[in-house]
């Protein structure tokens, strides 16, 4: 929501958002998916 609020005020082109998969967000990914992210980024290092 914070991202969307910041982008909506300033965007010249269309914008979508990836979500993040970090240790603390595991088992909680679906609510973020339902909120409208396109998928989830993870680092393996």
ModelCIF file with pLDDT and N, C-alpha, C, O atoms, coordinates in Angstrom:
data_MODEL
#
_entry.id   MODEL 
#
_entity.id                         1 
_entity.type                       polymer 
_entity.pdbx_number_of_molecules   1 
#
_entity_poly.entity_id                      1 
_entity_poly.type                           'polypeptide(L)' 
_entity_poly.nstd_linkage                   no 
_entity_poly.nstd_monomer                   no 
_entity_poly.pdbx_seq_one_letter_code       
;(UNK)(UNK)(UNK)(UNK)(UNK)(UNK)(UNK)(UNK)(UNK)(UNK)(UNK)(UNK)(UNK)(UNK)(UNK)(UNK)
(UNK)(UNK)(UNK)(UNK)(UNK)(UNK)(UNK)(UNK)(UNK)(UNK)(UNK)(UNK)(UNK)(UNK)(UNK)(UNK)
(UNK)(UNK)(UNK)(UNK)(UNK)(UNK)(UNK)(UNK)(UNK)(UNK)(UNK)(UNK)(UNK)
;
_entity_poly.pdbx_seq_one_letter_code_can   XXXXXXXXXXXXXXXXXXXXXXXXXXXXXXXXXXXXXXXXXXXXX 
_entity_poly.pdbx_strand_id                 A 
#
loop_
_entity_poly_seq.entity_id 
_entity_poly_seq.num 
_entity_poly_seq.mon_id 
_entity_poly_seq.hetero 
1 1  UNK n 
1 2  UNK n 
1 3  UNK n 
1 4  UNK n 
1 5  UNK n 
1 6  UNK n 
1 7  UNK n 
1 8  UNK n 
1 9  UNK n 
1 10 UNK n 
1 11 UNK n 
1 12 UNK n 
1 13 UNK n 
1 14 UNK n 
1 15 UNK n 
1 16 UNK n 
1 17 UNK n 
1 18 UNK n 
1 19 UNK n 
1 20 UNK n 
1 21 UNK n 
1 22 UNK n 
1 23 UNK n 
1 24 UNK n 
1 25 UNK n 
1 26 UNK n 
1 27 UNK n 
1 28 UNK n 
1 29 UNK n 
1 30 UNK n 
1 31 UNK n 
1 32 UNK n 
1 33 UNK n 
1 34 UNK n 
1 35 UNK n 
1 36 UNK n 
1 37 UNK n 
1 38 UNK n 
1 39 UNK n 
1 40 UNK n 
1 41 UNK n 
1 42 UNK n 
1 43 UNK n 
1 44 UNK n 
1 45 UNK n 
#
_struct_asym.id          A 
_struct_asym.entity_id   1 
#
loop_
_ma_qa_metric.id 
_ma_qa_metric.mode 
_ma_qa_metric.name 
_ma_qa_metric.software_group_id 
_ma_qa_metric.type 
1 global pLDDT . pLDDT 
2 local  pLDDT . pLDDT 
#
_ma_qa_metric_global.metric_id      1 
_ma_qa_metric_global.metric_value   96.87 
_ma_qa_metric_global.model_id       1 
_ma_qa_metric_global.ordinal_id     1 
#
loop_
_ma_qa_metric_local.label_asym_id 
_ma_qa_metric_local.label_comp_id 
_ma_qa_metric_local.label_seq_id 
_ma_qa_metric_local.metric_id 
_ma_qa_metric_local.metric_value 
_ma_qa_metric_local.model_id 
_ma_qa_metric_local.ordinal_id 
A UNK 1  2 97.00 1 1  
A UNK 2  2 97.00 1 2  
A UNK 3  2 96.00 1 3  
A UNK 4  2 96.00 1 4  
A UNK 5  2 95.00 1 5  
A UNK 6  2 95.00 1 6  
A UNK 7  2 96.00 1 7  
A UNK 8  2 92.00 1 8  
A UNK 9  2 88.00 1 9  
A UNK 10 2 93.00 1 10 
A UNK 11 2 94.00 1 11 
A UNK 12 2 96.00 1 12 
A UNK 13 2 97.00 1 13 
A UNK 14 2 97.00 1 14 
A UNK 15 2 97.00 1 15 
A UNK 16 2 97.00 1 16 
A UNK 17 2 98.00 1 17 
A UNK 18 2 98.00 1 18 
A UNK 19 2 98.00 1 19 
A UNK 20 2 98.00 1 20 
A UNK 21 2 98.00 1 21 
A UNK 22 2 98.00 1 22 
A UNK 23 2 98.00 1 23 
A UNK 24 2 98.00 1 24 
A UNK 25 2 97.00 1 25 
A UNK 26 2 98.00 1 26 
A UNK 27 2 97.00 1 27 
A UNK 28 2 97.00 1 28 
A UNK 29 2 98.00 1 29 
A UNK 30 2 98.00 1 30 
A UNK 31 2 98.00 1 31 
A UNK 32 2 98.00 1 32 
A UNK 33 2 98.00 1 33 
A UNK 34 2 97.00 1 34 
A UNK 35 2 97.00 1 35 
A UNK 36 2 97.00 1 36 
A UNK 37 2 98.00 1 37 
A UNK 38 2 98.00 1 38 
A UNK 39 2 98.00 1 39 
A UNK 40 2 98.00 1 40 
A UNK 41 2 98.00 1 41 
A UNK 42 2 98.00 1 42 
A UNK 43 2 98.00 1 43 
A UNK 44 2 98.00 1 44 
A UNK 45 2 98.00 1 45 
#
loop_
_atom_site.group_PDB 
_atom_site.id 
_atom_site.type_symbol 
_atom_site.label_atom_id 
_atom_site.label_alt_id 
_atom_site.label_comp_id 
_atom_site.label_asym_id 
_atom_site.label_entity_id 
_atom_site.label_seq_id 
_atom_site.pdbx_PDB_ins_code 
_atom_site.Cartn_x 
_atom_site.Cartn_y 
_atom_site.Cartn_z 
_atom_site.occupancy 
_atom_site.B_iso_or_equiv 
_atom_site.pdbx_formal_charge 
_atom_site.auth_seq_id 
_atom_site.auth_comp_id 
_atom_site.auth_asym_id 
_atom_site.auth_atom_id 
_atom_site.pdbx_PDB_model_num 
ATOM 1   N N  . UNK A 1 1  ? 0.828  -1.214  0.000   1.00 97.00 ? 1  UNK A N  1 
ATOM 2   C CA . UNK A 1 1  ? 0.000  0.000   0.000   1.00 97.00 ? 1  UNK A CA 1 
ATOM 3   C C  . UNK A 1 1  ? 0.855  1.254   0.000   1.00 97.00 ? 1  UNK A C  1 
ATOM 4   O O  . UNK A 1 1  ? 0.534  2.226   -0.684  1.00 97.00 ? 1  UNK A O  1 
ATOM 5   N N  . UNK A 1 2  ? 1.954  1.241   0.770   1.00 97.00 ? 2  UNK A N  1 
ATOM 6   C CA . UNK A 1 2  ? 2.854  2.390   0.786   1.00 97.00 ? 2  UNK A CA 1 
ATOM 7   C C  . UNK A 1 2  ? 3.458  2.622   -0.593  1.00 97.00 ? 2  UNK A C  1 
ATOM 8   O O  . UNK A 1 2  ? 3.562  3.762   -1.044  1.00 97.00 ? 2  UNK A O  1 
ATOM 9   N N  . UNK A 1 3  ? 3.853  1.550   -1.259  1.00 96.00 ? 3  UNK A N  1 
ATOM 10  C CA . UNK A 1 3  ? 4.398  1.661   -2.615  1.00 96.00 ? 3  UNK A CA 1 
ATOM 11  C C  . UNK A 1 3  ? 3.371  2.287   -3.554  1.00 96.00 ? 3  UNK A C  1 
ATOM 12  O O  . UNK A 1 3  ? 3.676  3.212   -4.307  1.00 96.00 ? 3  UNK A O  1 
ATOM 13  N N  . UNK A 1 4  ? 2.163  1.767   -3.494  1.00 96.00 ? 4  UNK A N  1 
ATOM 14  C CA . UNK A 1 4  ? 1.125  2.247   -4.392  1.00 96.00 ? 4  UNK A CA 1 
ATOM 15  C C  . UNK A 1 4  ? 0.831  3.727   -4.165  1.00 96.00 ? 4  UNK A C  1 
ATOM 16  O O  . UNK A 1 4  ? 0.658  4.489   -5.116  1.00 96.00 ? 4  UNK A O  1 
ATOM 17  N N  . UNK A 1 5  ? 0.777  4.117   -2.912  1.00 95.00 ? 5  UNK A N  1 
ATOM 18  C CA . UNK A 1 5  ? 0.507  5.518   -2.602  1.00 95.00 ? 5  UNK A CA 1 
ATOM 19  C C  . UNK A 1 5  ? 1.603  6.424   -3.159  1.00 95.00 ? 5  UNK A C  1 
ATOM 20  O O  . UNK A 1 5  ? 1.317  7.484   -3.715  1.00 95.00 ? 5  UNK A O  1 
ATOM 21  N N  . UNK A 1 6  ? 2.862  5.998   -3.007  1.00 95.00 ? 6  UNK A N  1 
ATOM 22  C CA . UNK A 1 6  ? 3.976  6.800   -3.511  1.00 95.00 ? 6  UNK A CA 1 
ATOM 23  C C  . UNK A 1 6  ? 3.951  6.876   -5.032  1.00 95.00 ? 6  UNK A C  1 
ATOM 24  O O  . UNK A 1 6  ? 4.178  7.938   -5.611  1.00 95.00 ? 6  UNK A O  1 
ATOM 25  N N  . UNK A 1 7  ? 3.675  5.744   -5.676  1.00 96.00 ? 7  UNK A N  1 
ATOM 26  C CA . UNK A 1 7  ? 3.716  5.703   -7.137  1.00 96.00 ? 7  UNK A CA 1 
ATOM 27  C C  . UNK A 1 7  ? 2.564  6.481   -7.762  1.00 96.00 ? 7  UNK A C  1 
ATOM 28  O O  . UNK A 1 7  ? 2.741  7.140   -8.786  1.00 96.00 ? 7  UNK A O  1 
ATOM 29  N N  . UNK A 1 8  ? 1.398  6.406   -7.156  1.00 92.00 ? 8  UNK A N  1 
ATOM 30  C CA . UNK A 1 8  ? 0.208  7.005   -7.753  1.00 92.00 ? 8  UNK A CA 1 
ATOM 31  C C  . UNK A 1 8  ? 0.344  8.508   -7.923  1.00 92.00 ? 8  UNK A C  1 
ATOM 32  O O  . UNK A 1 8  ? -0.282 9.091   -8.808  1.00 92.00 ? 8  UNK A O  1 
ATOM 33  N N  . UNK A 1 9  ? 1.141  9.130   -7.101  1.00 88.00 ? 9  UNK A N  1 
ATOM 34  C CA . UNK A 1 9  ? 1.299  10.589  -7.155  1.00 88.00 ? 9  UNK A CA 1 
ATOM 35  C C  . UNK A 1 9  ? 2.256  11.041  -8.258  1.00 88.00 ? 9  UNK A C  1 
ATOM 36  O O  . UNK A 1 9  ? 2.282  12.223  -8.602  1.00 88.00 ? 9  UNK A O  1 
ATOM 37  N N  . UNK A 1 10 ? 3.036  10.124  -8.811  1.00 93.00 ? 10 UNK A N  1 
ATOM 38  C CA . UNK A 1 10 ? 4.188  10.549  -9.608  1.00 93.00 ? 10 UNK A CA 1 
ATOM 39  C C  . UNK A 1 10 ? 4.372  9.834   -10.932 1.00 93.00 ? 10 UNK A C  1 
ATOM 40  O O  . UNK A 1 10 ? 5.241  10.227  -11.711 1.00 93.00 ? 10 UNK A O  1 
ATOM 41  N N  . UNK A 1 11 ? 3.595  8.804   -11.223 1.00 94.00 ? 11 UNK A N  1 
ATOM 42  C CA . UNK A 1 11 ? 3.928  7.899   -12.320 1.00 94.00 ? 11 UNK A CA 1 
ATOM 43  C C  . UNK A 1 11 ? 3.683  8.521   -13.688 1.00 94.00 ? 11 UNK A C  1 
ATOM 44  O O  . UNK A 1 11 ? 2.640  9.135   -13.915 1.00 94.00 ? 11 UNK A O  1 
ATOM 45  N N  . UNK A 1 12 ? 4.630  8.366   -14.591 1.00 96.00 ? 12 UNK A N  1 
ATOM 46  C CA . UNK A 1 12 ? 4.484  8.749   -15.991 1.00 96.00 ? 12 UNK A CA 1 
ATOM 47  C C  . UNK A 1 12 ? 4.111  7.547   -16.854 1.00 96.00 ? 12 UNK A C  1 
ATOM 48  O O  . UNK A 1 12 ? 3.462  7.705   -17.888 1.00 96.00 ? 12 UNK A O  1 
ATOM 49  N N  . UNK A 1 13 ? 4.521  6.331   -16.432 1.00 97.00 ? 13 UNK A N  1 
ATOM 50  C CA . UNK A 1 13 ? 4.158  5.102   -17.139 1.00 97.00 ? 13 UNK A CA 1 
ATOM 51  C C  . UNK A 1 13 ? 3.418  4.193   -16.169 1.00 97.00 ? 13 UNK A C  1 
ATOM 52  O O  . UNK A 1 13 ? 3.284  4.510   -14.987 1.00 97.00 ? 13 UNK A O  1 
ATOM 53  N N  . UNK A 1 14 ? 2.938  3.058   -16.678 1.00 97.00 ? 14 UNK A N  1 
ATOM 54  C CA . UNK A 1 14 ? 2.220  2.115   -15.829 1.00 97.00 ? 14 UNK A CA 1 
ATOM 55  C C  . UNK A 1 14 ? 3.194  1.325   -14.962 1.00 97.00 ? 14 UNK A C  1 
ATOM 56  O O  . UNK A 1 14 ? 4.315  1.032   -15.376 1.00 97.00 ? 14 UNK A O  1 
ATOM 57  N N  . UNK A 1 15 ? 2.750  0.986   -13.754 1.00 97.00 ? 15 UNK A N  1 
ATOM 58  C CA . UNK A 1 15 ? 3.615  0.347   -12.761 1.00 97.00 ? 15 UNK A CA 1 
ATOM 59  C C  . UNK A 1 15 ? 2.889  -0.825  -12.119 1.00 97.00 ? 15 UNK A C  1 
ATOM 60  O O  . UNK A 1 15 ? 1.724  -0.712  -11.737 1.00 97.00 ? 15 UNK A O  1 
ATOM 61  N N  . UNK A 1 16 ? 3.578  -1.938  -12.004 1.00 97.00 ? 16 UNK A N  1 
ATOM 62  C CA . UNK A 1 16 ? 3.138  -3.062  -11.193 1.00 97.00 ? 16 UNK A CA 1 
ATOM 63  C C  . UNK A 1 16 ? 4.210  -3.378  -10.171 1.00 97.00 ? 16 UNK A C  1 
ATOM 64  O O  . UNK A 1 16 ? 5.282  -2.774  -10.182 1.00 97.00 ? 16 UNK A O  1 
ATOM 65  N N  . UNK A 1 17 ? 3.927  -4.321  -9.288  1.00 98.00 ? 17 UNK A N  1 
ATOM 66  C CA . UNK A 1 17 ? 4.822  -4.579  -8.164  1.00 98.00 ? 17 UNK A CA 1 
ATOM 67  C C  . UNK A 1 17 ? 5.028  -6.074  -7.949  1.00 98.00 ? 17 UNK A C  1 
ATOM 68  O O  . UNK A 1 17 ? 4.083  -6.862  -7.991  1.00 98.00 ? 17 UNK A O  1 
ATOM 69  N N  . UNK A 1 18 ? 6.289  -6.443  -7.716  1.00 98.00 ? 18 UNK A N  1 
ATOM 70  C CA . UNK A 1 18 ? 6.615  -7.769  -7.208  1.00 98.00 ? 18 UNK A CA 1 
ATOM 71  C C  . UNK A 1 18 ? 6.568  -7.728  -5.680  1.00 98.00 ? 18 UNK A C  1 
ATOM 72  O O  . UNK A 1 18 ? 6.852  -6.698  -5.069  1.00 98.00 ? 18 UNK A O  1 
ATOM 73  N N  . UNK A 1 19 ? 6.211  -8.843  -5.079  1.00 98.00 ? 19 UNK A N  1 
ATOM 74  C CA . UNK A 1 19 ? 6.347  -8.999  -3.645  1.00 98.00 ? 19 UNK A CA 1 
ATOM 75  C C  . UNK A 1 19 ? 7.662  -9.673  -3.310  1.00 98.00 ? 19 UNK A C  1 
ATOM 76  O O  . UNK A 1 19 ? 8.406  -10.089 -4.199  1.00 98.00 ? 19 UNK A O  1 
ATOM 77  N N  . UNK A 1 20 ? 7.941  -9.776  -2.019  1.00 98.00 ? 20 UNK A N  1 
ATOM 78  C CA . UNK A 1 20 ? 9.176  -10.405 -1.580  1.00 98.00 ? 20 UNK A CA 1 
ATOM 79  C C  . UNK A 1 20 ? 8.919  -11.658 -0.764  1.00 98.00 ? 20 UNK A C  1 
ATOM 80  O O  . UNK A 1 20 ? 7.998  -11.705 0.051   1.00 98.00 ? 20 UNK A O  1 
ATOM 81  N N  . UNK A 1 21 ? 9.748  -12.679 -0.992  1.00 98.00 ? 21 UNK A N  1 
ATOM 82  C CA . UNK A 1 21 ? 9.731  -13.900 -0.183  1.00 98.00 ? 21 UNK A CA 1 
ATOM 83  C C  . UNK A 1 21 ? 11.006 -13.919 0.644   1.00 98.00 ? 21 UNK A C  1 
ATOM 84  O O  . UNK A 1 21 ? 12.084 -14.221 0.132   1.00 98.00 ? 21 UNK A O  1 
ATOM 85  N N  . UNK A 1 22 ? 10.882 -13.597 1.917   1.00 98.00 ? 22 UNK A N  1 
ATOM 86  C CA . UNK A 1 22 ? 11.993 -13.613 2.860   1.00 98.00 ? 22 UNK A CA 1 
ATOM 87  C C  . UNK A 1 22 ? 11.618 -14.565 3.983   1.00 98.00 ? 22 UNK A C  1 
ATOM 88  O O  . UNK A 1 22 ? 10.449 -14.935 4.090   1.00 98.00 ? 22 UNK A O  1 
ATOM 89  N N  . UNK A 1 23 ? 12.550 -14.974 4.819   1.00 98.00 ? 23 UNK A N  1 
ATOM 90  C CA . UNK A 1 23 ? 12.204 -15.968 5.849   1.00 98.00 ? 23 UNK A CA 1 
ATOM 91  C C  . UNK A 1 23 ? 10.983 -15.603 6.679   1.00 98.00 ? 23 UNK A C  1 
ATOM 92  O O  . UNK A 1 23 ? 10.164 -16.475 6.972   1.00 98.00 ? 23 UNK A O  1 
ATOM 93  N N  . UNK A 1 24 ? 10.836 -14.340 7.067   1.00 98.00 ? 24 UNK A N  1 
ATOM 94  C CA . UNK A 1 24 ? 9.721  -13.950 7.929   1.00 98.00 ? 24 UNK A CA 1 
ATOM 95  C C  . UNK A 1 24 ? 8.383  -13.889 7.205   1.00 98.00 ? 24 UNK A C  1 
ATOM 96  O O  . UNK A 1 24 ? 7.340  -13.859 7.858   1.00 98.00 ? 24 UNK A O  1 
ATOM 97  N N  . UNK A 1 25 ? 8.382  -13.869 5.870   1.00 97.00 ? 25 UNK A N  1 
ATOM 98  C CA . UNK A 1 25 ? 7.113  -13.798 5.140   1.00 97.00 ? 25 UNK A CA 1 
ATOM 99  C C  . UNK A 1 25 ? 6.614  -15.156 4.679   1.00 97.00 ? 25 UNK A C  1 
ATOM 100 O O  . UNK A 1 25 ? 5.496  -15.259 4.174   1.00 97.00 ? 25 UNK A O  1 
ATOM 101 N N  . UNK A 1 26 ? 7.414  -16.198 4.839   1.00 98.00 ? 26 UNK A N  1 
ATOM 102 C CA . UNK A 1 26 ? 6.961  -17.531 4.461   1.00 98.00 ? 26 UNK A CA 1 
ATOM 103 C C  . UNK A 1 26 ? 5.769  -17.931 5.326   1.00 98.00 ? 26 UNK A C  1 
ATOM 104 O O  . UNK A 1 26 ? 5.692  -17.591 6.506   1.00 98.00 ? 26 UNK A O  1 
ATOM 105 N N  . UNK A 1 27 ? 4.853  -18.651 4.716   1.00 97.00 ? 27 UNK A N  1 
ATOM 106 C CA . UNK A 1 27 ? 3.532  -19.027 5.251   1.00 97.00 ? 27 UNK A CA 1 
ATOM 107 C C  . UNK A 1 27 ? 2.552  -17.861 5.236   1.00 97.00 ? 27 UNK A C  1 
ATOM 108 O O  . UNK A 1 27 ? 1.404  -18.020 5.651   1.00 97.00 ? 27 UNK A O  1 
ATOM 109 N N  . UNK A 1 28 ? 2.985  -16.680 4.760   1.00 97.00 ? 28 UNK A N  1 
ATOM 110 C CA . UNK A 1 28 ? 2.111  -15.510 4.692   1.00 97.00 ? 28 UNK A CA 1 
ATOM 111 C C  . UNK A 1 28 ? 2.117  -14.898 3.287   1.00 97.00 ? 28 UNK A C  1 
ATOM 112 O O  . UNK A 1 28 ? 1.846  -13.706 3.140   1.00 97.00 ? 28 UNK A O  1 
ATOM 113 N N  . UNK A 1 29 ? 2.417  -15.684 2.260   1.00 98.00 ? 29 UNK A N  1 
ATOM 114 C CA . UNK A 1 29 ? 2.567  -15.132 0.921   1.00 98.00 ? 29 UNK A CA 1 
ATOM 115 C C  . UNK A 1 29 ? 1.227  -14.890 0.227   1.00 98.00 ? 29 UNK A C  1 
ATOM 116 O O  . UNK A 1 29 ? 1.101  -13.944 -0.550  1.00 98.00 ? 29 UNK A O  1 
ATOM 117 N N  . UNK A 1 30 ? 0.244  -15.717 0.493   1.00 98.00 ? 30 UNK A N  1 
ATOM 118 C CA . UNK A 1 30 ? -1.008 -15.603 -0.248  1.00 98.00 ? 30 UNK A CA 1 
ATOM 119 C C  . UNK A 1 30 ? -1.726 -14.272 -0.022  1.00 98.00 ? 30 UNK A C  1 
ATOM 120 O O  . UNK A 1 30 ? -2.267 -13.727 -0.985  1.00 98.00 ? 30 UNK A O  1 
ATOM 121 N N  . UNK A 1 31 ? -1.764 -13.721 1.182   1.00 98.00 ? 31 UNK A N  1 
ATOM 122 C CA . UNK A 1 31 ? -2.416 -12.416 1.333   1.00 98.00 ? 31 UNK A CA 1 
ATOM 123 C C  . UNK A 1 31 ? -1.781 -11.318 0.474   1.00 98.00 ? 31 UNK A C  1 
ATOM 124 O O  . UNK A 1 31 ? -2.486 -10.452 -0.043  1.00 98.00 ? 31 UNK A O  1 
ATOM 125 N N  . UNK A 1 32 ? -0.470 -11.350 0.324   1.00 98.00 ? 32 UNK A N  1 
ATOM 126 C CA . UNK A 1 32 ? 0.189  -10.364 -0.530  1.00 98.00 ? 32 UNK A CA 1 
ATOM 127 C C  . UNK A 1 32 ? -0.137 -10.625 -2.003  1.00 98.00 ? 32 UNK A C  1 
ATOM 128 O O  . UNK A 1 32 ? -0.323 -9.688  -2.780  1.00 98.00 ? 32 UNK A O  1 
ATOM 129 N N  . UNK A 1 33 ? -0.203 -11.884 -2.371  1.00 98.00 ? 33 UNK A N  1 
ATOM 130 C CA . UNK A 1 33 ? -0.630 -12.245 -3.725  1.00 98.00 ? 33 UNK A CA 1 
ATOM 131 C C  . UNK A 1 33 ? -2.034 -11.723 -3.983  1.00 98.00 ? 33 UNK A C  1 
ATOM 132 O O  . UNK A 1 33 ? -2.293 -11.143 -5.038  1.00 98.00 ? 33 UNK A O  1 
ATOM 133 N N  . UNK A 1 34 ? -2.943 -11.920 -3.037  1.00 97.00 ? 34 UNK A N  1 
ATOM 134 C CA . UNK A 1 34 ? -4.319 -11.464 -3.200  1.00 97.00 ? 34 UNK A CA 1 
ATOM 135 C C  . UNK A 1 34 ? -4.403 -9.939  -3.253  1.00 97.00 ? 34 UNK A C  1 
ATOM 136 O O  . UNK A 1 34 ? -5.333 -9.387  -3.843  1.00 97.00 ? 34 UNK A O  1 
ATOM 137 N N  . UNK A 1 35 ? -3.437 -9.260  -2.640  1.00 97.00 ? 35 UNK A N  1 
ATOM 138 C CA . UNK A 1 35 ? -3.404 -7.798  -2.659  1.00 97.00 ? 35 UNK A CA 1 
ATOM 139 C C  . UNK A 1 35 ? -2.922 -7.249  -3.996  1.00 97.00 ? 35 UNK A C  1 
ATOM 140 O O  . UNK A 1 35 ? -3.061 -6.054  -4.257  1.00 97.00 ? 35 UNK A O  1 
ATOM 141 N N  . UNK A 1 36 ? -2.351 -8.110  -4.856  1.00 97.00 ? 36 UNK A N  1 
ATOM 142 C CA . UNK A 1 36 ? -2.074 -7.666  -6.218  1.00 97.00 ? 36 UNK A CA 1 
ATOM 143 C C  . UNK A 1 36 ? -0.645 -7.682  -6.697  1.00 97.00 ? 36 UNK A C  1 
ATOM 144 O O  . UNK A 1 36 ? -0.351 -7.070  -7.724  1.00 97.00 ? 36 UNK A O  1 
ATOM 145 N N  . UNK A 1 37 ? 0.278  -8.363  -5.996  1.00 98.00 ? 37 UNK A N  1 
ATOM 146 C CA . UNK A 1 37 ? 1.626  -8.461  -6.555  1.00 98.00 ? 37 UNK A CA 1 
ATOM 147 C C  . UNK A 1 37 ? 1.636  -9.515  -7.664  1.00 98.00 ? 37 UNK A C  1 
ATOM 148 O O  . UNK A 1 37 ? 0.771  -10.389 -7.715  1.00 98.00 ? 37 UNK A O  1 
ATOM 149 N N  . UNK A 1 38 ? 2.617  -9.417  -8.539  1.00 98.00 ? 38 UNK A N  1 
ATOM 150 C CA . UNK A 1 38 ? 2.709  -10.305 -9.684  1.00 98.00 ? 38 UNK A CA 1 
ATOM 151 C C  . UNK A 1 38 ? 3.427  -11.617 -9.374  1.00 98.00 ? 38 UNK A C  1 
ATOM 152 O O  . UNK A 1 38 ? 3.357  -12.567 -10.154 1.00 98.00 ? 38 UNK A O  1 
ATOM 153 N N  . UNK A 1 39 ? 4.095  -11.663 -8.268  1.00 98.00 ? 39 UNK A N  1 
ATOM 154 C CA . UNK A 1 39 ? 4.867  -12.826 -7.874  1.00 98.00 ? 39 UNK A CA 1 
ATOM 155 C C  . UNK A 1 39 ? 5.788  -12.416 -6.748  1.00 98.00 ? 39 UNK A C  1 
ATOM 156 O O  . UNK A 1 39 ? 5.638  -11.335 -6.177  1.00 98.00 ? 39 UNK A O  1 
ATOM 157 N N  . UNK A 1 40 ? 6.743  -13.277 -6.426  1.00 98.00 ? 40 UNK A N  1 
ATOM 158 C CA . UNK A 1 40 ? 7.555  -13.091 -5.233  1.00 98.00 ? 40 UNK A CA 1 
ATOM 159 C C  . UNK A 1 40 ? 9.032  -13.272 -5.555  1.00 98.00 ? 40 UNK A C  1 
ATOM 160 O O  . UNK A 1 40 ? 9.445  -14.282 -6.123  1.00 98.00 ? 40 UNK A O  1 
ATOM 161 N N  . UNK A 1 41 ? 9.808  -12.276 -5.181  1.00 98.00 ? 41 UNK A N  1 
ATOM 162 C CA . UNK A 1 41 ? 11.245 -12.362 -5.391  1.00 98.00 ? 41 UNK A CA 1 
ATOM 163 C C  . UNK A 1 41 ? 11.929 -12.948 -4.166  1.00 98.00 ? 41 UNK A C  1 
ATOM 164 O O  . UNK A 1 41 ? 11.609 -12.606 -3.028  1.00 98.00 ? 41 UNK A O  1 
ATOM 165 N N  . UNK A 1 42 ? 12.880 -13.840 -4.428  1.00 98.00 ? 42 UNK A N  1 
ATOM 166 C CA . UNK A 1 42 ? 13.700 -14.404 -3.366  1.00 98.00 ? 42 UNK A CA 1 
ATOM 167 C C  . UNK A 1 42 ? 15.164 -14.335 -3.763  1.00 98.00 ? 42 UNK A C  1 
ATOM 168 O O  . UNK A 1 42 ? 15.511 -14.513 -4.931  1.00 98.00 ? 42 UNK A O  1 
ATOM 169 N N  . UNK A 1 43 ? 16.011 -14.078 -2.792  1.00 98.00 ? 43 UNK A N  1 
ATOM 170 C CA . UNK A 1 43 ? 17.458 -14.207 -2.944  1.00 98.00 ? 43 UNK A CA 1 
ATOM 171 C C  . UNK A 1 43 ? 17.884 -15.527 -2.341  1.00 98.00 ? 43 UNK A C  1 
ATOM 172 O O  . UNK A 1 43 ? 17.366 -15.940 -1.304  1.00 98.00 ? 43 UNK A O  1 
ATOM 173 N N  . UNK A 1 44 ? 18.823 -16.187 -2.985  1.00 98.00 ? 44 UNK A N  1 
ATOM 174 C CA . UNK A 1 44 ? 19.401 -17.407 -2.421  1.00 98.00 ? 44 UNK A CA 1 
ATOM 175 C C  . UNK A 1 44 ? 20.767 -17.143 -1.822  1.00 98.00 ? 44 UNK A C  1 
ATOM 176 O O  . UNK A 1 44 ? 21.396 -18.059 -1.291  1.00 98.00 ? 44 UNK A O  1 
ATOM 177 N N  . UNK A 1 45 ? 21.241 -15.899 -1.897  1.00 98.00 ? 45 UNK A N  1 
ATOM 178 C CA . UNK A 1 45 ? 22.470 -15.447 -1.251  1.00 98.00 ? 45 UNK A CA 1 
ATOM 179 C C  . UNK A 1 45 ? 22.178 -14.055 -0.703  1.00 98.00 ? 45 UNK A C  1 
ATOM 180 O O  . UNK A 1 45 ? 23.054 -13.432 -0.103  1.00 98.00 ? 45 UNK A O  1 
#
